[in-house]
Amino acid sequence: MGLLDGIGRHLGGVLAPLFDEAVLHRAGPDGTADEPVRARIDGAREAGEEPGLPGRLVRAIVLTPGLPPDPDDEITLAGARHRIVAVETDPAGSHALIQGRPV
């Protein structure tokens, strides 16, 4: 058992009231599975267009009580659904920094 084991879940639980309700749409072999999570938009900026993806790039912090999001997943946050294009995880496992584009 490492020093950081369990700290991430505890830290995420303490911070949860500061974050908004969101839904993580996890991609799997049988389609998607919806998982309620707590998240907060950290910023947005215009980014280069890619085929099928609008130019706006949203950055968010997602509390991760289980596995972190995957770039194949999507998230609904603040009434908008976003395709996750990048994920950066916290070593303690309390949160992930994601970047997403509106679907």
C-alpha atoms as a PDB file:
ATOM      1  CA  MET A   1       0.000   0.000   0.000  1.00  0.00           C
ATOM      2  CA  GLY A   2       1.472   3.338  -1.074  1.00  0.00           C
ATOM      3  CA  LEU A   3       1.433   6.602   0.780  1.00  0.00           C
ATOM      4  CA  LEU A   4      -1.132   8.122  -1.585  1.00  0.00           C
ATOM      5  CA  ASP A   5      -3.567   5.172  -1.488  1.00  0.00           C
ATOM      6  CA  GLY A   6      -6.907   6.358  -0.099  1.00  0.00           C
ATOM      7  CA  ILE A   7      -5.880  10.016   0.185  1.00  0.00           C
ATOM      8  CA  GLY A   8      -7.370  10.794  -3.230  1.00  0.00           C
ATOM      9  CA  ARG A   9     -10.803   9.466  -2.299  1.00  0.00           C
ATOM     10  CA  HIS A  10     -10.766  11.369   0.979  1.00  0.00           C
ATOM     11  CA  LEU A  11      -9.656  14.601  -0.704  1.00  0.00           C
ATOM     12  CA  GLY A  12     -12.304  14.186  -3.415  1.00  0.00           C
ATOM     13  CA  GLY A  13     -14.991  13.720  -0.773  1.00  0.00           C
ATOM     14  CA  VAL A  14     -13.934  16.902   1.022  1.00  0.00           C
ATOM     15  CA  LEU A  15     -13.937  18.947  -2.199  1.00  0.00           C
ATOM     16  CA  ALA A  16     -17.156  17.502  -3.698  1.00  0.00           C
ATOM     17  CA  PRO A  17     -19.499  20.245  -2.365  1.00  0.00           C
ATOM     18  CA  LEU A  18     -17.472  22.843  -4.292  1.00  0.00           C
ATOM     19  CA  PHE A  19     -18.048  21.076  -7.622  1.00  0.00           C
ATOM     20  CA  ASP A  20     -21.130  20.847  -9.851  1.00  0.00           C
ATOM     21  CA  GLU A  21     -23.053  17.711 -10.737  1.00  0.00           C
ATOM     22  CA  ALA A  22     -22.012  16.181 -14.051  1.00  0.00           C
ATOM     23  CA  VAL A  23     -22.438  12.915 -15.938  1.00  0.00           C
ATOM     24  CA  LEU A  24     -19.489  10.979 -17.305  1.00  0.00           C
ATOM     25  CA  HIS A  25     -20.456   8.903 -20.333  1.00  0.00           C
ATOM     26  CA  ARG A  26     -17.953   6.029 -20.311  1.00  0.00           C
ATOM     27  CA  ALA A  27     -17.373   4.324 -23.647  1.00  0.00           C
ATOM     28  CA  GLY A  28     -17.353   0.539 -23.513  1.00  0.00           C
ATOM     29  CA  PRO A  29     -17.776  -2.484 -25.761  1.00  0.00           C
ATOM     30  CA  ASP A  30     -21.565  -2.462 -25.190  1.00  0.00           C
ATOM     31  CA  GLY A  31     -22.068   1.290 -25.738  1.00  0.00           C
ATOM     32  CA  THR A  32     -21.860   3.955 -23.071  1.00  0.00           C
ATOM     33  CA  ALA A  33     -22.480   3.757 -19.341  1.00  0.00           C
ATOM     34  CA  ASP A  34     -23.488   6.926 -17.495  1.00  0.00           C
ATOM     35  CA  GLU A  35     -21.738   7.668 -14.198  1.00  0.00           C
ATOM     36  CA  PRO A  36     -22.581  10.650 -11.974  1.00  0.00           C
ATOM     37  CA  VAL A  37     -19.494  12.681 -11.068  1.00  0.00           C
ATOM     38  CA  ARG A  38     -18.648  16.085  -9.624  1.00  0.00           C
ATOM     39  CA  ALA A  39     -16.832  18.487 -11.950  1.00  0.00           C
ATOM     40  CA  ARG A  40     -16.070  22.147 -12.485  1.00  0.00           C
ATOM     41  CA  ILE A  41     -15.239  24.084 -15.647  1.00  0.00           C
ATOM     42  CA  ASP A  42     -11.766  25.548 -15.262  1.00  0.00           C
ATOM     43  CA  GLY A  43     -11.620  27.542 -18.497  1.00  0.00           C
ATOM     44  CA  ALA A  44     -12.443  27.680 -22.187  1.00  0.00           C
ATOM     45  CA  ARG A  45     -10.585  28.898 -25.240  1.00  0.00           C
ATOM     46  CA  GLU A  46     -10.813  28.846 -28.975  1.00  0.00           C
ATOM     47  CA  ALA A  47      -8.733  26.077 -30.562  1.00  0.00           C
ATOM     48  CA  GLY A  48      -8.013  24.939 -34.091  1.00  0.00           C
ATOM     49  CA  GLU A  49     -10.837  23.212 -35.901  1.00  0.00           C
ATOM     50  CA  GLU A  50     -10.641  19.472 -36.430  1.00  0.00           C
ATOM     51  CA  PRO A  51     -12.944  17.435 -38.675  1.00  0.00           C
ATOM     52  CA  GLY A  52     -16.249  16.947 -36.843  1.00  0.00           C
ATOM     53  CA  LEU A  53     -15.169  18.982 -33.809  1.00  0.00           C
ATOM     54  CA  PRO A  54     -15.960  22.656 -33.136  1.00  0.00           C
ATOM     55  CA  GLY A  55     -13.096  25.001 -32.309  1.00  0.00           C
ATOM     56  CA  ARG A  56     -13.976  25.684 -28.648  1.00  0.00           C
ATOM     57  CA  LEU A  57     -11.860  23.755 -26.128  1.00  0.00           C
ATOM     58  CA  VAL A  58     -13.128  23.455 -22.534  1.00  0.00           C
ATOM     59  CA  ARG A  59     -10.903  22.550 -19.600  1.00  0.00           C
ATOM     60  CA  ALA A  60     -12.493  20.991 -16.510  1.00  0.00           C
ATOM     61  CA  ILE A  61     -11.563  19.362 -13.217  1.00  0.00           C
ATOM     62  CA  VAL A  62     -13.376  16.076 -12.581  1.00  0.00           C
ATOM     63  CA  LEU A  63     -13.345  14.402  -9.153  1.00  0.00           C
ATOM     64  CA  THR A  64     -12.546  10.745  -9.741  1.00  0.00           C
ATOM     65  CA  PRO A  65     -13.817   8.372  -7.049  1.00  0.00           C
ATOM     66  CA  GLY A  66     -12.991   5.437  -9.357  1.00  0.00           C
ATOM     67  CA  LEU A  67     -11.142   5.179 -12.621  1.00  0.00           C
ATOM     68  CA  PRO A  68     -10.253   8.469 -14.326  1.00  0.00           C
ATOM     69  CA  PRO A  69     -12.005   9.450 -17.558  1.00  0.00           C
ATOM     70  CA  ASP A  70     -10.627   8.156 -20.835  1.00  0.00           C
ATOM     71  CA  PRO A  71     -10.197  10.112 -24.098  1.00  0.00           C
ATOM     72  CA  ASP A  72     -12.936   7.896 -25.595  1.00  0.00           C
ATOM     73  CA  ASP A  73     -15.442   9.147 -22.989  1.00  0.00           C
ATOM     74  CA  GLU A  74     -17.769  12.147 -23.017  1.00  0.00           C
ATOM     75  CA  ILE A  75     -19.000  14.362 -20.168  1.00  0.00           C
ATOM     76  CA  THR A  76     -22.143  16.435 -19.707  1.00  0.00           C
ATOM     77  CA  LEU A  77     -21.341  19.487 -17.617  1.00  0.00           C
ATOM     78  CA  ALA A  78     -23.224  22.777 -17.219  1.00  0.00           C
ATOM     79  CA  GLY A  79     -25.897  21.578 -19.640  1.00  0.00           C
ATOM     80  CA  ALA A  80     -23.496  20.816 -22.509  1.00  0.00           C
ATOM     81  CA  ARG A  81     -22.013  17.522 -23.655  1.00  0.00           C
ATOM     82  CA  HIS A  82     -18.296  17.427 -24.454  1.00  0.00           C
ATOM     83  CA  ARG A  83     -16.087  14.830 -26.115  1.00  0.00           C
ATOM     84  CA  ILE A  84     -12.979  14.331 -23.965  1.00  0.00           C
ATOM     85  CA  VAL A  85      -9.808  14.830 -26.001  1.00  0.00           C
ATOM     86  CA  ALA A  86      -7.128  14.876 -23.256  1.00  0.00           C
ATOM     87  CA  VAL A  87      -6.852  13.585 -19.682  1.00  0.00           C
ATOM     88  CA  GLU A  88      -4.243  14.387 -17.052  1.00  0.00           C
ATOM     89  CA  THR A  89      -4.510  12.465 -13.776  1.00  0.00           C
ATOM     90  CA  ASP A  90      -3.565  13.383 -10.228  1.00  0.00           C
ATOM     91  CA  PRO A  91      -1.049  11.000  -8.574  1.00  0.00           C
ATOM     92  CA  ALA A  92      -3.272  10.730  -5.471  1.00  0.00           C
ATOM     93  CA  GLY A  93      -6.282   9.790  -7.603  1.00  0.00           C
ATOM     94  CA  SER A  94      -8.543  12.582  -6.355  1.00  0.00           C
ATOM     95  CA  HIS A  95      -9.185  14.283  -9.685  1.00  0.00           C
ATOM     96  CA  ALA A  96      -8.424  14.469 -13.376  1.00  0.00           C
ATOM     97  CA  LEU A  97      -7.876  17.516 -15.556  1.00  0.00           C
ATOM     98  CA  ILE A  98      -9.664  17.032 -18.833  1.00  0.00           C
ATOM     99  CA  GLN A  99     -10.002  18.932 -22.072  1.00  0.00           C
ATOM    100  CA  GLY A 100     -13.115  18.521 -24.144  1.00  0.00           C
ATOM    101  CA  ARG A 101     -14.866  19.850 -27.215  1.00  0.00           C
ATOM    102  CA  PRO A 102     -18.621  20.380 -27.535  1.00  0.00           C
ATOM    103  CA  VAL A 103     -20.410  17.513 -29.271  1.00  0.00           C
END
